[in-house]
Amino acid sequence: MCHSGVLLAAAVCTKAGKAIVSRQFVEMTRTRIEGLLAAFPKLMNTGKQHTFVETESVRYVYQPMEKLYMVLITTKNSNILEDLETLRLFSRVIPEYCRALEETEISDHCFDLIFAFDEIVALGYRENVNLAQIRTFTEMDSHEEKVFRAVRETQEREAKAEMRRKAKELQQARRDAERQGKKAPAFGGFGNSSSSISSSATTIITETIMEPEKTKTAPIPSRSSGSSKALKLGAKGKEVDNFVDKLKSEGETIVTQSSGKRSSEVAKVLSPPVNTESVHLKIEEKITLTCSRDGGLQNMEVHGLVMLRVSDDKYGRIRVHIDNEDKKGVQLQTHPNVDKKLFTSESIIGLKNSEKSFPLNSDVGVLKWRLQTTDESFIPLTINCWPSESGNGCDVNIEYELQEDRLELNDVVITIPLPAGVGSPVIGDIDGDYHHDSRRNTLEWTLPVIDSKNKTGSLEFSIAGHPNDFFPVTVSFVSKKNYCSLQVRNIELDLVIFSFPTHC
């Protein structure tokens, strides 16, 4: 097979040519790559300082790393300057994951290195990434999640203190009533008050960033029977129950109501357990974008992942047919053990080695994709914020418009920052609902659904302040449909019943 001007493989090997970790970016057998690496030390001229050597078919671009070599194997007609730049990036990646440049350390972190290599090169061509982006993509570290956890812990402590204060007030009222010879109020009254406090604390927790659901959720009274969603805005039932259990263990008596407005709101954000078959496919997609106040798109990134879980060994050798109707130009990347040639030609996910099986009872990422753009036409939902100064402050008008008609956005939360210490906003016309968080100085505009029948909407409010006080506006939502048009069509292995949830 002829590959013109592409990077064939990247490897870390010993000075004897033994491969420690190697990632092939084109179809290549294990024997072939081992043979190429074994021949590499014999081609080097120890008397001269070079960064590459060539054979009749390939070029080795290398860099010594103590007792090891970082080697790129390319075609002879590739751009040597670009290859050297790519080599430097590969060499900088190694110390990011390995504390020492030793064979055992490289072996221990081989999968981390392979994932990092895949971020640098896709299908034989260099990606436009730097070291910081590689670390972010591989770790999927979220600053927002860290902030959310810190805020949640603070909120729980404050809610606990508030509950204790209310409990003491009620107990004192009961003692005062007994001293005056009056009948003490029924303990159910304390339960109702406590339930109200608990619900209030739960509401604080639910007003948070978007988080993926856990595979197990604890039962909670008055569970709603709404449709299944793989992502939810807010706290999970297990966290709420654990919070209440902690209070009970510390001597607090908590009597929760089995029905009511607050309880139903808590139950609404919980999704029922997903019914999984012997073959379970899960598609996840995350969209992050930043726009300027003037409307220009600064950056937009879409990351998608197809997860496969097989729980019956008779389905270990299945093949997954993917419907790829994407026209946005996403970059697709299969798992190293997936037959890349088969996927490229027929959009079928199957193992390279037909004698091997997918691991049982384990979630395996078989396909991932990424899209990065600054094209404004790709924005799924546009937000326009128009603050205008008036005599007593600012009149603010915010509008949304759905650009992707085929999408249905659920649990949409548009958060607008407000000036501190100026009181509550005066709400005018509004589509949907709102919540003013005076502690965080934000106004949350909530819409249960935005779809083709509900494409546009607006919110008007007035408050003291200046136009700059109402930025940045943040938006979060979930969706059952993918932004990128990639779906599972069917499974090939006689008749296989499978299940898959999709969330974006």
Protein backbone atom coordinates (compact mmCIF):
# COMPACT_ATOMS: atom_id res chain seq x y z
CA MET A 1 0.00 0.00 0.00
CA CYS A 2 1.39 3.41 -0.92
CA HIS A 3 0.97 6.36 1.40
CA SER A 4 2.06 9.70 0.03
CA GLY A 5 3.49 12.31 2.39
CA VAL A 6 2.03 10.91 5.60
CA LEU A 7 3.25 9.87 9.03
CA LEU A 8 3.16 6.08 9.16
CA ALA A 9 3.96 5.42 12.81
CA ALA A 10 5.32 6.92 16.03
CA ALA A 11 7.26 4.80 18.49
CA VAL A 12 9.44 4.85 21.56
CA CYS A 13 12.13 2.18 21.28
CA THR A 14 15.39 1.11 22.87
CA LYS A 15 18.77 1.71 21.26
CA ALA A 16 18.62 -1.90 20.08
CA GLY A 17 15.39 -1.23 18.19
CA LYS A 18 13.02 -2.96 20.60
CA ALA A 19 9.58 -1.30 20.53
CA ILE A 20 8.29 -0.18 23.94
CA VAL A 21 5.21 1.62 22.65
CA SER A 22 4.22 2.13 19.03
CA ARG A 23 1.20 3.73 17.38
CA GLN A 24 0.54 3.08 13.69
CA PHE A 25 -1.50 5.70 11.86
CA VAL A 26 -2.03 3.60 8.72
CA GLU A 27 -2.80 -0.07 8.20
CA MET A 28 0.37 -1.93 9.18
CA THR A 29 1.01 -5.39 10.60
CA ARG A 30 2.85 -5.97 13.85
CA THR A 31 5.59 -7.86 12.01
CA ARG A 32 6.10 -4.93 9.66
CA ILE A 33 6.46 -2.29 12.39
CA GLU A 34 8.73 -4.51 14.49
CA GLY A 35 10.90 -5.10 11.43
CA LEU A 36 11.16 -1.39 10.68
CA LEU A 37 12.13 -0.56 14.26
CA ALA A 38 14.63 -3.42 14.43
CA ALA A 39 16.34 -2.11 11.28
CA PHE A 40 16.50 1.45 12.59
CA PRO A 41 19.65 1.18 14.82
CA LYS A 42 21.61 -0.49 12.02
CA LEU A 43 21.03 2.51 9.74
CA MET A 44 22.40 5.09 12.15
CA ASN A 45 25.90 6.47 11.72
CA THR A 46 27.28 7.03 15.21
CA GLY A 47 30.02 9.29 13.92
CA LYS A 48 27.63 11.96 12.69
CA GLN A 49 24.93 14.03 14.28
CA HIS A 50 21.72 13.56 12.27
CA THR A 51 18.03 13.70 13.06
CA PHE A 52 16.87 11.38 10.29
CA VAL A 53 17.93 8.39 8.20
CA GLU A 54 16.32 6.92 5.09
CA THR A 55 15.83 3.60 3.37
CA GLU A 56 14.44 2.91 -0.07
CA SER A 57 10.87 3.05 1.22
CA VAL A 58 10.67 5.06 4.46
CA ARG A 59 12.33 7.81 6.45
CA TYR A 60 13.14 7.65 10.18
CA VAL A 61 13.00 10.97 12.03
CA TYR A 62 14.33 10.49 15.54
CA GLN A 63 15.45 12.13 18.75
CA PRO A 64 17.56 10.48 21.49
CA MET A 65 16.00 10.47 24.97
CA GLU A 66 18.68 9.17 27.35
CA LYS A 67 18.72 5.40 26.70
CA LEU A 68 15.70 5.50 24.38
CA TYR A 69 14.71 6.95 21.01
CA MET A 70 11.57 8.79 19.98
CA VAL A 71 11.11 7.71 16.35
CA LEU A 72 8.69 8.85 13.65
CA ILE A 73 8.43 6.69 10.54
CA THR A 74 7.27 8.66 7.51
CA THR A 75 7.17 8.33 3.75
CA LYS A 76 10.21 9.70 1.94
CA ASN A 77 8.25 12.48 0.26
CA SER A 78 6.96 13.98 3.52
CA ASN A 79 8.02 17.47 4.58
CA ILE A 80 11.09 17.01 6.77
CA LEU A 81 10.67 20.39 8.49
CA GLU A 82 7.10 19.59 9.50
CA ASP A 83 8.21 16.13 10.61
CA LEU A 84 10.89 17.64 12.86
CA GLU A 85 8.35 19.99 14.41
CA THR A 86 6.00 17.06 14.99
CA LEU A 87 8.88 15.07 16.51
CA ARG A 88 9.56 17.85 19.00
CA LEU A 89 5.92 17.80 20.10
CA PHE A 90 6.01 14.01 20.53
CA SER A 91 9.20 14.33 22.59
CA ARG A 92 7.58 16.93 24.84
CA VAL A 93 4.53 14.71 25.39
CA ILE A 94 6.55 11.83 26.89
CA PRO A 95 7.64 13.67 30.10
CA GLU A 96 4.06 14.85 30.61
CA TYR A 97 2.99 11.28 31.38
CA CYS A 98 6.24 9.58 32.48
CA ARG A 99 8.29 10.64 35.48
CA ALA A 100 11.45 9.04 34.10
CA LEU A 101 12.60 8.19 30.57
CA GLU A 102 12.96 4.50 31.35
CA GLU A 103 11.55 1.41 29.70
CA THR A 104 9.41 0.36 32.69
CA GLU A 105 7.95 3.85 33.11
CA ILE A 106 7.09 4.07 29.41
CA SER A 107 5.42 0.64 29.55
CA ASP A 108 3.38 1.58 32.62
CA HIS A 109 1.95 4.64 30.82
CA CYS A 110 1.70 3.17 27.33
CA PHE A 111 -2.05 3.75 26.97
CA ASP A 112 -1.77 7.37 28.12
CA LEU A 113 0.93 7.90 25.50
CA ILE A 114 -1.12 6.23 22.75
CA PHE A 115 -4.11 8.47 23.53
CA ALA A 116 -1.82 11.50 23.41
CA PHE A 117 -0.28 10.33 20.11
CA ASP A 118 -3.79 10.07 18.65
CA GLU A 119 -4.40 13.71 19.52
CA ILE A 120 -1.26 14.76 17.62
CA VAL A 121 -1.84 12.71 14.46
CA ALA A 122 -5.09 11.58 12.85
CA LEU A 123 -5.08 9.24 9.85
CA GLY A 124 -1.43 10.04 9.18
CA TYR A 125 -1.68 13.84 9.26
CA ARG A 126 -0.62 16.28 11.97
CA GLU A 127 -3.37 17.92 14.00
CA ASN A 128 -3.15 21.61 14.89
CA VAL A 129 -2.76 21.13 18.65
CA ASN A 130 -0.32 22.19 21.33
CA LEU A 131 0.82 20.50 24.52
CA ALA A 132 -1.81 22.14 26.73
CA GLN A 133 -4.63 21.09 24.40
CA ILE A 134 -3.36 17.51 24.32
CA ARG A 135 -3.38 17.37 28.11
CA THR A 136 -6.92 18.81 28.20
CA PHE A 137 -8.26 16.43 25.54
CA THR A 138 -6.76 13.30 27.13
CA GLU A 139 -7.65 14.11 30.71
CA MET A 140 -11.02 15.71 29.88
CA ASP A 141 -10.40 17.84 32.95
CA SER A 142 -13.16 20.33 33.70
CA HIS A 143 -12.52 23.54 35.61
CA GLU A 144 -16.28 24.10 35.80
CA GLU A 145 -16.71 20.71 37.48
CA LYS A 146 -14.10 21.58 40.13
CA VAL A 147 -15.83 24.90 40.79
CA PHE A 148 -19.19 23.14 40.94
CA ARG A 149 -17.94 20.66 43.55
CA ALA A 150 -16.47 23.41 45.71
CA VAL A 151 -19.67 25.46 45.51
CA ARG A 152 -21.82 22.42 46.25
CA GLU A 153 -19.85 21.59 49.41
CA THR A 154 -20.27 25.16 50.62
CA GLN A 155 -23.99 25.08 49.86
CA GLU A 156 -24.44 21.81 51.74
CA ARG A 157 -22.71 23.21 54.82
CA GLU A 158 -24.86 26.35 54.72
CA ALA A 159 -28.04 24.31 54.22
CA LYS A 160 -27.11 22.04 57.15
CA ALA A 161 -26.55 25.05 59.42
CA GLU A 162 -29.86 26.56 58.33
CA MET A 163 -31.71 23.32 59.07
CA ARG A 164 -30.21 23.14 62.55
CA ARG A 165 -31.20 26.73 63.25
CA LYS A 166 -34.79 26.07 62.15
CA ALA A 167 -34.92 22.89 64.22
CA LYS A 168 -33.79 24.76 67.33
CA GLU A 169 -36.41 27.46 66.74
CA LEU A 170 -39.18 24.86 66.45
CA GLN A 171 -38.00 22.97 69.53
CA GLN A 172 -37.87 26.23 71.50
CA ALA A 173 -41.40 27.10 70.34
CA ARG A 174 -42.58 23.69 71.50
CA ARG A 175 -41.01 24.10 74.94
CA ASP A 176 -42.52 27.58 75.30
CA ALA A 177 -45.94 26.20 74.43
CA GLU A 178 -45.61 23.42 77.03
CA ARG A 179 -44.57 25.90 79.73
CA GLN A 180 -47.64 28.04 78.98
CA GLY A 181 -49.86 24.98 79.37
CA LYS A 182 -50.79 24.89 75.71
CA LYS A 183 -50.85 21.76 73.64
CA ALA A 184 -47.54 21.34 71.89
CA PRO A 185 -47.74 21.38 68.11
CA ALA A 186 -47.74 17.99 66.45
CA PHE A 187 -44.34 16.74 65.43
CA GLY A 188 -45.61 16.51 61.89
CA GLY A 189 -45.43 20.29 61.80
CA PHE A 190 -41.71 20.06 62.41
CA GLY A 191 -41.52 17.48 59.67
CA ASN A 192 -43.27 19.75 57.22
CA SER A 193 -40.94 22.60 58.03
CA SER A 194 -37.91 20.37 57.74
CA SER A 195 -39.13 19.04 54.45
CA SER A 196 -39.44 22.57 53.18
CA ILE A 197 -35.88 23.33 54.25
CA SER A 198 -34.61 20.14 52.70
CA SER A 199 -36.36 20.93 49.44
CA SER A 200 -34.87 24.39 49.46
CA ALA A 201 -31.40 22.95 49.90
CA THR A 202 -32.05 20.57 47.05
CA THR A 203 -33.09 23.44 44.83
CA ILE A 204 -29.77 25.12 45.52
CA ILE A 205 -27.95 21.99 44.48
CA THR A 206 -29.94 21.61 41.28
CA GLU A 207 -29.01 25.08 40.09
CA THR A 208 -25.64 23.97 38.82
CA ILE A 209 -23.73 23.13 35.69
CA MET A 210 -24.57 20.17 33.49
CA GLU A 211 -23.29 16.81 34.72
CA PRO A 212 -23.54 13.31 33.23
CA GLU A 213 -25.76 10.93 35.12
CA LYS A 214 -24.33 8.14 37.24
CA THR A 215 -25.09 4.57 36.30
CA LYS A 216 -26.83 4.00 39.64
CA THR A 217 -29.27 6.42 41.25
CA ALA A 218 -30.81 6.03 44.66
CA PRO A 219 -34.64 5.88 44.84
CA ILE A 220 -36.44 9.00 45.94
CA PRO A 221 -40.13 9.54 46.84
CA SER A 222 -42.48 10.72 44.13
CA ARG A 223 -40.31 9.81 41.13
CA SER A 224 -41.69 11.34 37.98
CA SER A 225 -42.46 9.16 34.99
CA GLY A 226 -40.99 11.53 32.41
CA SER A 227 -39.03 10.47 29.38
CA SER A 228 -35.53 9.07 29.77
CA LYS A 229 -32.61 11.48 29.44
CA ALA A 230 -28.97 10.51 29.62
CA LEU A 231 -27.86 13.93 30.91
CA LYS A 232 -29.58 16.10 33.51
CA LEU A 233 -29.13 19.59 34.82
CA GLY A 234 -28.66 19.39 38.53
CA ALA A 235 -28.05 17.15 41.49
CA LYS A 236 -28.51 13.42 41.49
CA GLY A 237 -30.90 11.57 43.79
CA LYS A 238 -28.09 9.68 45.47
CA GLU A 239 -26.43 12.93 46.55
CA VAL A 240 -29.72 14.29 47.93
CA ASP A 241 -30.41 11.08 49.90
CA ASN A 242 -26.85 10.98 51.24
CA PHE A 243 -27.22 14.59 52.38
CA VAL A 244 -30.41 13.76 54.30
CA ASP A 245 -28.87 10.57 55.75
CA LYS A 246 -25.94 12.58 57.12
CA LEU A 247 -28.35 14.93 58.90
CA LYS A 248 -30.26 11.98 60.37
CA SER A 249 -27.03 10.43 61.66
CA GLU A 250 -26.23 13.70 63.43
CA GLY A 251 -29.50 13.64 65.38
CA GLU A 252 -31.75 15.64 63.07
CA THR A 253 -35.26 14.30 62.52
CA ILE A 254 -36.23 14.58 58.86
CA VAL A 255 -39.75 13.80 57.66
CA THR A 256 -40.02 14.13 53.88
CA GLN A 257 -43.28 14.63 52.04
CA SER A 258 -44.31 12.03 49.52
CA SER A 259 -45.88 14.62 47.27
CA GLY A 260 -45.89 18.33 46.65
CA LYS A 261 -44.46 20.88 44.29
CA ARG A 262 -40.90 20.78 45.60
CA SER A 263 -40.72 16.98 45.69
CA SER A 264 -41.96 16.75 42.15
CA GLU A 265 -39.31 19.22 41.04
CA VAL A 266 -36.61 17.07 42.63
CA ALA A 267 -37.97 13.93 41.01
CA LYS A 268 -38.22 15.65 37.65
CA VAL A 269 -34.46 16.03 37.29
CA LEU A 270 -33.82 12.32 37.87
CA SER A 271 -33.85 9.97 34.91
CA PRO A 272 -35.18 6.42 35.27
CA PRO A 273 -32.64 3.61 34.90
CA VAL A 274 -31.74 2.79 31.30
CA ASN A 275 -32.85 -0.65 30.16
CA THR A 276 -29.71 -2.33 28.84
CA GLU A 277 -29.52 -5.36 26.57
CA SER A 278 -26.63 -7.79 26.08
CA VAL A 279 -25.21 -5.30 23.60
CA HIS A 280 -25.42 -1.72 24.85
CA LEU A 281 -24.24 1.28 22.84
CA LYS A 282 -24.06 4.77 24.29
CA ILE A 283 -23.39 7.91 22.27
CA GLU A 284 -22.15 10.98 24.14
CA GLU A 285 -21.47 14.37 22.66
CA LYS A 286 -20.30 17.59 24.28
CA ILE A 287 -20.48 21.03 22.68
CA THR A 288 -18.53 24.00 24.04
CA LEU A 289 -18.37 27.36 22.33
CA THR A 290 -17.52 30.97 23.07
CA CYS A 291 -19.05 33.95 21.27
CA SER A 292 -18.19 37.61 21.56
CA ARG A 293 -20.72 40.22 22.64
CA ASP A 294 -20.91 41.41 19.05
CA GLY A 295 -22.00 37.98 17.86
CA GLY A 296 -18.79 36.58 16.34
CA LEU A 297 -17.89 32.97 17.11
CA GLN A 298 -14.48 32.85 18.81
CA ASN A 299 -14.23 29.07 19.05
CA MET A 300 -16.49 26.03 18.96
CA GLU A 301 -15.53 22.46 19.77
CA VAL A 302 -17.60 19.30 19.56
CA HIS A 303 -16.37 16.06 21.12
CA GLY A 304 -18.27 12.81 20.56
CA LEU A 305 -17.79 9.24 21.73
CA VAL A 306 -19.46 5.89 20.98
CA MET A 307 -19.22 3.49 23.94
CA LEU A 308 -19.87 -0.24 23.50
CA ARG A 309 -20.66 -2.65 26.34
CA VAL A 310 -21.09 -6.38 25.68
CA SER A 311 -22.41 -8.52 28.54
CA ASP A 312 -22.78 -11.84 26.67
CA ASP A 313 -19.71 -13.56 25.22
CA LYS A 314 -21.67 -14.87 22.21
CA TYR A 315 -21.87 -11.26 20.98
CA GLY A 316 -18.16 -10.56 21.47
CA ARG A 317 -17.40 -10.50 17.73
CA ILE A 318 -20.20 -8.21 16.59
CA ARG A 319 -19.87 -5.46 14.02
CA VAL A 320 -21.59 -2.12 14.44
CA HIS A 321 -22.92 -0.30 11.38
CA ILE A 322 -22.75 3.49 11.69
CA ASP A 323 -24.90 5.90 9.70
CA ASN A 324 -22.62 8.83 8.97
CA GLU A 325 -24.64 11.66 7.44
CA ASP A 326 -22.37 14.37 8.79
CA LYS A 327 -21.70 17.28 6.45
CA LYS A 328 -19.90 19.50 8.94
CA GLY A 329 -16.48 17.92 8.44
CA VAL A 330 -15.93 16.15 11.77
CA GLN A 331 -12.69 14.23 12.32
CA LEU A 332 -13.30 10.57 13.14
CA GLN A 333 -10.92 8.37 15.12
CA THR A 334 -11.41 4.67 15.84
CA HIS A 335 -10.00 2.66 18.73
CA PRO A 336 -6.54 1.17 17.98
CA ASN A 337 -8.01 -2.36 17.99
CA VAL A 338 -10.79 -1.46 15.53
CA ASP A 339 -10.35 -2.25 11.84
CA LYS A 340 -9.79 1.27 10.53
CA LYS A 341 -9.84 0.23 6.88
CA LEU A 342 -13.23 -1.42 7.29
CA PHE A 343 -14.64 1.64 9.02
CA THR A 344 -13.25 4.04 6.42
CA SER A 345 -14.67 2.08 3.50
CA GLU A 346 -17.97 0.77 4.91
CA SER A 347 -18.62 2.70 8.17
CA ILE A 348 -18.53 -0.56 10.10
CA ILE A 349 -16.90 -0.89 13.53
CA GLY A 350 -15.28 -4.30 14.00
CA LEU A 351 -12.12 -5.67 15.55
CA LYS A 352 -8.97 -6.01 13.44
CA ASN A 353 -8.44 -9.53 14.70
CA SER A 354 -11.61 -11.45 13.91
CA GLU A 355 -10.62 -14.18 16.38
CA LYS A 356 -10.69 -11.79 19.32
CA SER A 357 -13.76 -10.50 21.15
CA PHE A 358 -14.75 -7.20 22.68
CA PRO A 359 -14.13 -7.24 26.46
CA LEU A 360 -17.14 -8.36 28.50
CA ASN A 361 -18.95 -6.09 30.96
CA SER A 362 -16.70 -3.17 30.19
CA ASP A 363 -17.45 0.16 28.52
CA VAL A 364 -15.15 0.48 25.50
CA GLY A 365 -14.81 3.68 23.49
CA VAL A 366 -14.82 2.36 19.92
CA LEU A 367 -15.24 5.62 18.01
CA LYS A 368 -14.67 9.26 18.81
CA TRP A 369 -15.00 12.41 16.78
CA ARG A 370 -14.08 16.04 17.07
CA LEU A 371 -15.07 19.23 15.32
CA GLN A 372 -13.40 22.60 15.81
CA THR A 373 -14.60 25.68 13.95
CA THR A 374 -15.08 29.44 14.02
CA ASP A 375 -17.86 29.38 11.40
CA GLU A 376 -20.91 31.14 12.88
CA SER A 377 -23.29 29.03 10.77
CA PHE A 378 -22.40 26.03 12.98
CA ILE A 379 -23.83 27.57 16.17
CA PRO A 380 -26.86 25.45 17.24
CA LEU A 381 -28.48 28.11 19.46
CA THR A 382 -27.82 31.85 19.25
CA ILE A 383 -28.29 34.25 22.17
CA ASN A 384 -28.59 38.02 21.80
CA CYS A 385 -28.35 40.24 24.89
CA TRP A 386 -29.34 43.90 24.48
CA PRO A 387 -28.83 46.00 27.63
CA SER A 388 -29.76 49.67 27.26
CA GLU A 389 -29.24 52.32 29.91
CA SER A 390 -32.29 54.12 31.27
CA GLY A 391 -32.78 56.74 33.95
CA ASN A 392 -32.87 54.26 36.83
CA GLY A 393 -30.50 51.61 35.51
CA CYS A 394 -30.71 49.25 32.56
CA ASP A 395 -33.47 47.66 30.50
CA VAL A 396 -32.23 44.27 29.31
CA ASN A 397 -33.72 42.30 26.42
CA ILE A 398 -32.44 38.78 25.76
CA GLU A 399 -33.48 36.65 22.79
CA TYR A 400 -32.71 33.10 21.74
CA GLU A 401 -33.08 31.46 18.33
CA LEU A 402 -32.61 27.79 17.43
CA GLN A 403 -30.43 27.48 14.32
CA GLU A 404 -30.50 23.66 14.00
CA ASP A 405 -34.17 22.86 13.36
CA ARG A 406 -33.65 19.11 13.68
CA LEU A 407 -32.44 19.43 17.29
CA GLU A 408 -34.64 19.35 20.37
CA LEU A 409 -32.96 21.04 23.34
CA ASN A 410 -34.18 20.13 26.82
CA ASP A 411 -33.64 21.66 30.26
CA VAL A 412 -32.23 24.86 28.78
CA VAL A 413 -30.78 27.24 31.37
CA ILE A 414 -29.61 30.71 30.29
CA THR A 415 -27.72 32.39 33.14
CA ILE A 416 -27.29 36.18 33.20
CA PRO A 417 -24.99 37.81 35.78
CA LEU A 418 -26.46 40.72 37.75
CA PRO A 419 -24.87 43.62 39.65
CA ALA A 420 -24.40 42.99 43.37
CA GLY A 421 -26.40 44.82 46.01
CA VAL A 422 -29.09 46.33 43.77
CA GLY A 423 -32.03 44.11 44.66
CA SER A 424 -34.17 41.88 42.47
CA PRO A 425 -34.79 42.48 38.77
CA VAL A 426 -38.22 43.59 37.58
CA ILE A 427 -39.34 40.98 35.06
CA GLY A 428 -41.37 42.08 32.04
CA ASP A 429 -42.31 39.79 29.17
CA ILE A 430 -40.86 36.28 29.41
CA ASP A 431 -41.11 32.99 27.55
CA GLY A 432 -40.52 30.16 30.01
CA ASP A 433 -39.67 30.67 33.67
CA TYR A 434 -36.99 32.41 35.73
CA HIS A 435 -35.22 32.22 39.07
CA HIS A 436 -33.30 35.02 40.78
CA ASP A 437 -30.38 33.75 42.84
CA SER A 438 -29.59 36.69 45.11
CA ARG A 439 -26.67 34.90 46.75
CA ARG A 440 -24.86 34.28 43.46
CA ASN A 441 -26.20 37.48 41.82
CA THR A 442 -27.56 35.68 38.77
CA LEU A 443 -30.84 35.48 36.89
CA GLU A 444 -31.58 32.02 35.49
CA TRP A 445 -33.95 31.86 32.54
CA THR A 446 -35.22 28.29 32.20
CA LEU A 447 -36.97 26.70 29.24
CA PRO A 448 -38.03 23.04 29.32
CA VAL A 449 -37.89 22.59 25.53
CA ILE A 450 -36.55 24.49 22.53
CA ASP A 451 -37.36 22.87 19.19
CA SER A 452 -38.59 23.69 15.68
CA LYS A 453 -42.02 24.62 17.10
CA ASN A 454 -40.48 26.85 19.74
CA LYS A 455 -37.49 28.30 17.88
CA THR A 456 -37.45 31.78 19.36
CA GLY A 457 -38.19 33.44 22.66
CA SER A 458 -37.32 36.49 24.71
CA LEU A 459 -36.92 37.80 28.23
CA GLU A 460 -37.18 41.43 29.33
CA PHE A 461 -36.20 42.78 32.73
CA SER A 462 -35.05 46.00 34.38
CA ILE A 463 -32.48 46.49 37.14
CA ALA A 464 -29.94 49.06 38.31
CA GLY A 465 -26.56 48.65 36.67
CA HIS A 466 -24.47 49.22 33.57
CA PRO A 467 -24.46 47.28 30.26
CA ASN A 468 -21.18 45.52 31.08
CA ASP A 469 -22.70 44.00 34.23
CA PHE A 470 -24.79 41.50 32.25
CA PHE A 471 -21.95 39.60 30.59
CA PRO A 472 -20.89 36.89 30.10
CA VAL A 473 -24.15 35.06 29.47
CA THR A 474 -23.83 31.27 29.82
CA VAL A 475 -26.10 28.59 28.35
CA SER A 476 -26.45 24.89 29.12
CA PHE A 477 -28.82 22.25 27.75
CA VAL A 478 -29.19 18.55 27.03
CA SER A 479 -30.46 16.84 23.89
CA LYS A 480 -31.45 13.33 22.80
CA LYS A 481 -30.24 14.03 19.28
CA ASN A 482 -26.62 14.35 18.25
CA TYR A 483 -25.36 17.62 16.83
CA CYS A 484 -23.18 15.67 14.41
CA SER A 485 -25.28 13.29 12.32
CA LEU A 486 -23.74 10.01 13.47
CA GLN A 487 -26.08 7.21 14.53
CA VAL A 488 -25.98 3.46 15.05
CA ARG A 489 -27.88 1.72 12.24
CA ASN A 490 -27.70 -1.93 13.28
CA ILE A 491 -25.55 -4.72 14.68
CA GLU A 492 -24.19 -7.50 12.49
CA LEU A 493 -24.20 -11.03 13.97
CA ASP A 494 -27.41 -12.81 13.05
CA LEU A 495 -30.15 -11.00 15.02
CA VAL A 496 -28.83 -8.99 17.93
CA ILE A 497 -31.12 -6.98 20.20
CA PHE A 498 -29.25 -3.92 21.39
CA SER A 499 -29.94 -0.72 23.25
CA PHE A 500 -28.38 2.70 23.12
CA PRO A 501 -29.12 6.06 24.71
CA THR A 502 -27.90 9.22 23.03
CA HIS A 503 -27.17 12.49 24.74
CA CYS A 504 -25.58 15.75 23.80
